[in-house]
Amino acid sequence: MSPDLLFLAILVVVVIIGSALCSGVEAAFLAVNPLRVHELAAKKRPVNGARRLEKLRHRLGRTLTVLTITNNGFNIFGSLMLGSYATFVFKSGMVLPLFSIGLTILVLLLGEIVPKSIGTRFSLKVSLASAPILTLLSLIMRPVIIPLERLLPVITTENEISTDEEEITQMARLGSQKGYIEADEAAMISKVFQLNDLTARDLMTPRVAAPTLDGSISLEEVRPNLITNHSQWWVVLGKEVDKVIGVVNREQLLTALLQGQNQLTPKDLAEKVEFVPEMIRVDRLLNNFTEDKNGVRVVVDEFGGFVGLIGAEAVLAVLAGWWRKSKI
């Protein structure tokens, strides 16, 4: 092989490799999961290149501009240089058109299609490996990039990581269909977002159905109610209208009866209870239940009147999908 043909072949290889690298890295940067990148960068010992990659992803417009300039440098300038040198090597005849057609096919296949497929499939690995080089190219090209950003402000747009309820629900559903998470986990994720749309009024046992006891009568008198009604918590009422003394646990009442303390009253065994407005959102109410042990709240209206009773299990039952309004 003559020196001219050897040099031409080397130029072809350089142009195709340069184009392939740029195309593969560009596809990888567009395909890589930004949440995964953020997770790797946020670790105490981040994966090598993860923090550089996160910064490059944050300014994705600038990064793609650097890649586009570099890729077109190989494709356009490289092709012009190859065409000029091929004209010098082959002079004339049919060889030159055949060389041009062959070069175009090679650039399309080996410089664009194949590397983009590989970059998309191994997006995280390719992005991490190329992050240091892209950071260096961004510094070198800064004199060109800054004027472009001022001329085209869209390039400077920051790529923030964001999502919403609908996207998370869809991701959970797709994860369930692909087998990455369990079906019941996906359903629970969907139900978590419902908590923000529900209030205590929606889940409470209304006053007419809530188990109540007169705080002044003896345990002997309430024995029949305790035997027939298996509600866990009972509201202890005073003599005045809407006077709530507290709540008492059914097990505690039954234990007192078994111990022969029949003359005690529900008022003697009542625990202090917290009152919550009927329009409080259920997600806030769930956090409120962690503040004490009994896990039950008396629901009141805007005037402070007793309107219902709600327990932590009613909220948890919404997440589990088996909540029934008639139960505490």
Protein backbone atom coordinates (compact mmCIF):
# COMPACT_ATOMS: atom_id res chain seq x y z
CA MET A 1 0.00 0.00 0.00
CA SER A 2 1.33 3.41 -0.98
CA PRO A 3 1.96 6.02 1.74
CA ASP A 4 -0.85 8.20 0.36
CA LEU A 5 -3.42 5.41 0.61
CA LEU A 6 -2.21 4.48 4.09
CA PHE A 7 -2.55 8.09 5.29
CA LEU A 8 -6.02 8.31 3.71
CA ALA A 9 -7.10 5.12 5.51
CA ILE A 10 -5.80 6.52 8.82
CA LEU A 11 -7.80 9.72 8.28
CA VAL A 12 -10.95 7.68 7.58
CA VAL A 13 -10.48 5.71 10.79
CA VAL A 14 -9.90 8.91 12.82
CA VAL A 15 -13.01 10.60 11.44
CA ILE A 16 -15.24 7.56 12.03
CA ILE A 17 -13.92 6.96 15.56
CA GLY A 18 -14.32 10.63 16.47
CA SER A 19 -17.85 10.74 15.09
CA ALA A 20 -18.74 7.47 16.82
CA LEU A 21 -17.48 8.66 20.21
CA CYS A 22 -19.40 11.92 19.98
CA SER A 23 -22.60 10.21 18.83
CA GLY A 24 -22.43 7.52 21.51
CA VAL A 25 -21.75 9.98 24.33
CA GLU A 26 -24.57 12.28 23.17
CA ALA A 27 -27.05 9.39 23.12
CA ALA A 28 -25.86 8.27 26.56
CA PHE A 29 -26.30 11.73 28.08
CA LEU A 30 -29.84 11.96 26.76
CA ALA A 31 -30.76 8.43 27.89
CA VAL A 32 -29.13 8.28 31.34
CA ASN A 33 -31.51 8.39 34.30
CA PRO A 34 -30.96 11.75 36.12
CA LEU A 35 -32.27 10.31 39.39
CA ARG A 36 -29.70 7.52 39.24
CA VAL A 37 -26.96 10.07 38.55
CA HIS A 38 -28.08 12.19 41.51
CA GLU A 39 -28.12 9.11 43.74
CA LEU A 40 -24.54 8.16 42.78
CA ALA A 41 -23.29 11.73 43.22
CA ALA A 42 -24.97 12.17 46.63
CA LYS A 43 -23.19 9.21 48.23
CA LYS A 44 -20.51 9.83 50.86
CA ARG A 45 -18.11 8.09 48.52
CA PRO A 46 -19.51 8.98 45.09
CA VAL A 47 -18.78 6.81 42.08
CA ASN A 48 -15.86 8.09 40.06
CA GLY A 49 -17.12 10.76 37.65
CA ALA A 50 -20.61 10.94 39.18
CA ARG A 51 -20.33 14.51 40.45
CA ARG A 52 -18.87 15.73 37.16
CA LEU A 53 -21.68 13.94 35.35
CA GLU A 54 -24.30 15.56 37.57
CA LYS A 55 -22.89 19.03 36.82
CA LEU A 56 -22.84 18.29 33.11
CA ARG A 57 -26.43 17.01 33.26
CA HIS A 58 -27.43 20.13 35.19
CA ARG A 59 -26.25 22.26 32.25
CA LEU A 60 -27.40 19.80 29.60
CA GLY A 61 -27.81 22.50 26.93
CA ARG A 62 -24.16 23.54 27.29
CA THR A 63 -22.99 19.91 27.30
CA LEU A 64 -24.93 19.08 24.14
CA THR A 65 -23.54 22.19 22.46
CA VAL A 66 -19.99 21.01 23.17
CA LEU A 67 -20.82 17.56 21.81
CA THR A 68 -22.50 19.00 18.71
CA ILE A 69 -19.53 21.24 17.90
CA THR A 70 -17.10 18.36 18.36
CA ASN A 71 -19.22 15.89 16.36
CA ASN A 72 -19.71 18.30 13.48
CA GLY A 73 -16.01 19.04 13.53
CA PHE A 74 -15.35 15.38 12.76
CA ASN A 75 -18.26 14.96 10.33
CA ILE A 76 -18.02 18.19 8.33
CA PHE A 77 -14.40 19.28 8.57
CA GLY A 78 -13.20 15.67 8.51
CA SER A 79 -15.30 14.88 5.43
CA LEU A 80 -14.07 17.98 3.58
CA MET A 81 -10.48 17.11 4.42
CA LEU A 82 -10.98 13.49 3.33
CA GLY A 83 -12.66 14.59 0.10
CA SER A 84 -9.81 16.93 -0.76
CA TYR A 85 -7.14 14.38 0.02
CA ALA A 86 -9.06 11.60 -1.80
CA THR A 87 -9.18 13.83 -4.90
CA PHE A 88 -5.42 14.19 -4.67
CA VAL A 89 -4.90 10.43 -4.20
CA PHE A 90 -7.34 9.05 -6.77
CA LYS A 91 -7.04 11.92 -9.26
CA SER A 92 -10.13 10.99 -11.32
CA GLY A 93 -12.16 8.08 -12.59
CA MET A 94 -14.80 5.93 -10.82
CA VAL A 95 -12.78 5.33 -7.66
CA LEU A 96 -13.49 8.80 -6.21
CA PRO A 97 -17.35 8.53 -6.34
CA LEU A 98 -17.19 5.00 -4.94
CA PHE A 99 -14.95 6.26 -2.11
CA SER A 100 -17.47 9.03 -1.30
CA ILE A 101 -20.39 6.58 -1.23
CA GLY A 102 -18.47 4.11 0.93
CA LEU A 103 -17.37 6.84 3.35
CA THR A 104 -20.96 8.08 3.72
CA ILE A 105 -22.21 4.56 4.50
CA LEU A 106 -19.40 3.98 7.01
CA VAL A 107 -20.08 7.29 8.79
CA LEU A 108 -23.82 6.56 9.00
CA LEU A 109 -23.40 3.01 10.27
CA LEU A 110 -20.21 3.12 12.35
CA GLY A 111 -20.25 6.82 13.22
CA GLU A 112 -23.93 7.34 14.05
CA ILE A 113 -26.34 4.38 14.21
CA VAL A 114 -24.23 1.75 15.99
CA PRO A 115 -22.58 4.06 18.59
CA LYS A 116 -25.92 5.70 19.44
CA SER A 117 -27.45 2.29 20.04
CA ILE A 118 -24.54 1.31 22.28
CA GLY A 119 -24.62 4.64 24.10
CA THR A 120 -28.33 4.31 24.81
CA ARG A 121 -27.99 0.75 26.09
CA PHE A 122 -25.00 1.47 28.36
CA SER A 123 -25.92 5.07 29.10
CA LEU A 124 -24.71 5.23 32.70
CA LYS A 125 -21.32 3.59 32.07
CA VAL A 126 -20.66 5.65 28.94
CA SER A 127 -21.71 8.90 30.65
CA LEU A 128 -19.52 8.29 33.71
CA ALA A 129 -16.52 7.37 31.57
CA SER A 130 -16.87 10.42 29.33
CA ALA A 131 -17.61 12.99 32.06
CA PRO A 132 -13.95 14.00 32.71
CA ILE A 133 -13.24 14.47 28.99
CA LEU A 134 -16.41 16.51 28.46
CA THR A 135 -15.53 18.70 31.44
CA LEU A 136 -12.15 19.42 29.86
CA LEU A 137 -13.72 20.14 26.44
CA SER A 138 -16.20 22.53 28.09
CA LEU A 139 -13.30 24.50 29.57
CA ILE A 140 -11.42 24.57 26.26
CA MET A 141 -14.49 25.68 24.30
CA ARG A 142 -15.63 28.29 26.84
CA PRO A 143 -14.55 31.23 24.61
CA VAL A 144 -16.94 29.86 21.95
CA ILE A 145 -19.72 28.67 24.26
CA ILE A 146 -20.17 31.92 26.22
CA PRO A 147 -20.97 34.07 23.15
CA LEU A 148 -23.33 31.36 21.90
CA GLU A 149 -25.14 31.29 25.24
CA ARG A 150 -25.61 35.05 25.15
CA LEU A 151 -26.86 34.87 21.59
CA LEU A 152 -29.11 31.84 22.29
CA PRO A 153 -30.27 31.98 25.95
CA VAL A 154 -32.03 28.62 25.61
CA ILE A 155 -28.61 26.95 25.79
CA THR A 156 -28.17 28.20 29.38
CA THR A 157 -31.39 26.57 30.62
CA GLU A 158 -30.69 24.46 33.70
CA ASN A 159 -31.96 20.90 33.65
CA GLU A 160 -33.62 20.51 37.06
CA ILE A 161 -34.69 17.11 38.40
CA SER A 162 -38.44 17.23 39.00
CA THR A 163 -41.45 14.95 39.00
CA ASP A 164 -45.09 14.91 40.06
CA GLU A 165 -47.68 12.51 41.44
CA GLU A 166 -48.82 11.31 38.03
CA GLU A 167 -45.28 10.49 36.88
CA ILE A 168 -44.46 8.61 40.08
CA THR A 169 -47.71 6.64 39.83
CA GLN A 170 -46.98 5.77 36.20
CA MET A 171 -43.41 4.74 37.06
CA ALA A 172 -44.69 2.50 39.85
CA ARG A 173 -47.23 0.91 37.49
CA LEU A 174 -44.58 0.30 34.83
CA GLY A 175 -42.20 -1.09 37.45
CA SER A 176 -44.90 -3.50 38.53
CA GLN A 177 -45.59 -4.60 34.95
CA LYS A 178 -41.87 -5.18 34.35
CA GLY A 179 -41.52 -7.12 37.60
CA TYR A 180 -39.15 -4.65 39.31
CA ILE A 181 -41.56 -4.02 42.19
CA GLU A 182 -44.49 -5.99 43.58
CA ALA A 183 -48.03 -5.21 42.40
CA ASP A 184 -49.19 -4.45 45.95
CA GLU A 185 -46.28 -2.02 46.40
CA ALA A 186 -47.29 -0.15 43.24
CA ALA A 187 -50.90 -0.01 44.44
CA MET A 188 -49.80 1.33 47.83
CA ILE A 189 -47.71 4.07 46.18
CA SER A 190 -50.80 5.14 44.28
CA LYS A 191 -52.87 5.17 47.48
CA VAL A 192 -50.30 7.30 49.34
CA PHE A 193 -51.13 10.21 47.05
CA GLN A 194 -54.82 9.81 47.90
CA LEU A 195 -54.11 10.76 51.52
CA ASN A 196 -53.60 14.36 50.48
CA ASP A 197 -57.08 14.40 48.94
CA LEU A 198 -58.90 12.91 51.94
CA THR A 199 -59.87 14.52 55.25
CA ALA A 200 -60.72 13.20 58.68
CA ARG A 201 -64.39 13.69 57.80
CA ASP A 202 -64.04 11.17 54.95
CA LEU A 203 -62.55 8.41 57.12
CA MET A 204 -64.02 8.96 60.58
CA THR A 205 -66.72 6.91 62.21
CA PRO A 206 -69.52 9.50 62.54
CA ARG A 207 -70.90 10.34 65.94
CA VAL A 208 -74.13 8.40 65.41
CA ALA A 209 -72.12 5.21 64.86
CA ALA A 210 -69.18 5.91 67.19
CA PRO A 211 -69.10 3.80 70.40
CA THR A 212 -69.76 6.08 73.39
CA LEU A 213 -70.16 5.64 77.14
CA ASP A 214 -71.65 7.81 79.82
CA GLY A 215 -68.73 8.67 82.05
CA SER A 216 -70.80 8.57 85.27
CA ILE A 217 -72.29 5.05 85.12
CA SER A 218 -70.58 1.97 86.57
CA LEU A 219 -68.76 -0.66 84.57
CA GLU A 220 -71.37 -3.22 85.58
CA GLU A 221 -73.99 -1.21 83.69
CA VAL A 222 -71.88 -1.02 80.52
CA ARG A 223 -71.01 -4.73 80.52
CA PRO A 224 -73.71 -5.68 77.92
CA ASN A 225 -72.45 -3.01 75.50
CA LEU A 226 -68.87 -4.21 75.84
CA ILE A 227 -69.85 -7.79 75.10
CA THR A 228 -71.89 -7.01 72.00
CA ASN A 229 -69.75 -4.19 70.56
CA HIS A 230 -66.13 -5.07 69.79
CA SER A 231 -64.89 -1.55 69.01
CA GLN A 232 -61.40 -1.01 70.37
CA TRP A 233 -61.87 2.57 71.56
CA TRP A 234 -64.87 4.20 73.25
CA VAL A 235 -65.58 7.88 73.72
CA VAL A 236 -66.37 8.82 77.31
CA LEU A 237 -68.99 11.58 77.49
CA GLY A 238 -69.91 13.98 80.27
CA LYS A 239 -73.33 15.27 81.24
CA GLU A 240 -73.11 18.40 79.10
CA VAL A 241 -73.81 18.34 75.37
CA ASP A 242 -70.64 17.63 73.33
CA LYS A 243 -68.64 17.26 76.55
CA VAL A 244 -65.94 14.67 75.76
CA ILE A 245 -64.04 13.56 78.85
CA GLY A 246 -61.64 11.26 76.99
CA VAL A 247 -61.40 7.82 75.44
CA VAL A 248 -61.07 4.38 77.01
CA ASN A 249 -59.80 1.12 75.62
CA ARG A 250 -62.20 -1.85 75.57
CA GLU A 251 -59.49 -4.21 76.86
CA GLN A 252 -58.93 -1.94 79.84
CA LEU A 253 -62.65 -1.94 80.65
CA LEU A 254 -62.91 -5.72 80.37
CA THR A 255 -59.80 -6.19 82.52
CA ALA A 256 -61.33 -4.02 85.24
CA LEU A 257 -64.52 -6.08 85.11
CA LEU A 258 -62.58 -9.35 85.40
CA GLN A 259 -60.72 -7.97 88.39
CA GLY A 260 -64.01 -7.22 90.15
CA GLN A 261 -63.77 -3.43 89.84
CA ASN A 262 -67.40 -3.21 88.79
CA GLN A 263 -68.09 0.06 90.61
CA LEU A 264 -65.50 2.02 88.65
CA THR A 265 -66.83 4.35 85.98
CA PRO A 266 -65.54 4.90 82.44
CA LYS A 267 -64.49 8.35 83.61
CA ASP A 268 -62.10 6.75 86.12
CA LEU A 269 -60.33 4.81 83.36
CA ALA A 270 -60.55 7.42 80.60
CA GLU A 271 -57.39 8.59 78.85
CA LYS A 272 -56.83 12.11 77.63
CA VAL A 273 -57.58 12.44 73.94
CA GLU A 274 -56.58 14.95 71.31
CA PHE A 275 -59.17 16.75 69.21
CA VAL A 276 -58.69 17.27 65.48
CA PRO A 277 -60.77 19.35 63.02
CA GLU A 278 -62.88 17.40 60.58
CA MET A 279 -61.21 19.07 57.58
CA ILE A 280 -57.64 18.13 58.51
CA ARG A 281 -55.90 16.32 55.64
CA VAL A 282 -55.23 12.67 56.26
CA ASP A 283 -51.50 12.91 55.47
CA ARG A 284 -51.10 15.45 58.29
CA LEU A 285 -53.31 13.38 60.55
CA LEU A 286 -51.12 10.31 60.02
CA ASN A 287 -48.08 12.23 61.29
CA ASN A 288 -50.17 13.44 64.23
CA PHE A 289 -50.78 9.85 65.37
CA THR A 290 -47.09 9.35 66.15
CA GLU A 291 -47.23 11.79 69.06
CA ASP A 292 -48.86 9.42 71.57
CA LYS A 293 -49.61 5.76 72.14
CA ASN A 294 -53.39 5.39 71.90
CA GLY A 295 -53.62 6.23 68.17
CA VAL A 296 -57.18 7.61 68.27
CA ARG A 297 -58.58 11.12 67.81
CA VAL A 298 -61.92 12.76 68.46
CA VAL A 299 -63.06 14.72 65.42
CA VAL A 300 -64.77 18.08 65.99
CA ASP A 301 -66.50 20.54 63.69
CA GLU A 302 -65.76 24.25 63.30
CA PHE A 303 -67.72 25.00 66.49
CA GLY A 304 -65.86 22.40 68.56
CA GLY A 305 -68.75 19.94 68.56
CA PHE A 306 -68.06 16.19 68.67
CA VAL A 307 -68.78 14.77 65.19
CA GLY A 308 -66.84 11.52 65.00
CA LEU A 309 -63.97 9.27 65.98
CA ILE A 310 -60.97 8.21 63.92
CA GLY A 311 -58.13 5.78 64.61
CA ALA A 312 -54.73 5.34 63.02
CA GLU A 313 -55.83 1.99 61.60
CA ALA A 314 -58.47 3.73 59.47
CA VAL A 315 -55.73 5.74 57.74
CA LEU A 316 -53.46 2.72 57.37
CA ALA A 317 -56.39 0.74 55.99
CA VAL A 318 -56.64 3.21 53.10
CA LEU A 319 -53.05 2.37 52.17
CA ALA A 320 -53.74 -1.34 52.47
CA GLY A 321 -56.92 -1.06 50.40
CA TRP A 322 -59.27 -2.73 52.90
CA TRP A 323 -60.58 0.23 54.93
CA ARG A 324 -64.28 0.14 55.76
CA LYS A 325 -65.91 3.29 57.07
CA SER A 326 -68.10 1.52 59.59
CA LYS A 327 -65.06 0.39 61.60
CA ILE A 328 -62.77 2.33 63.94
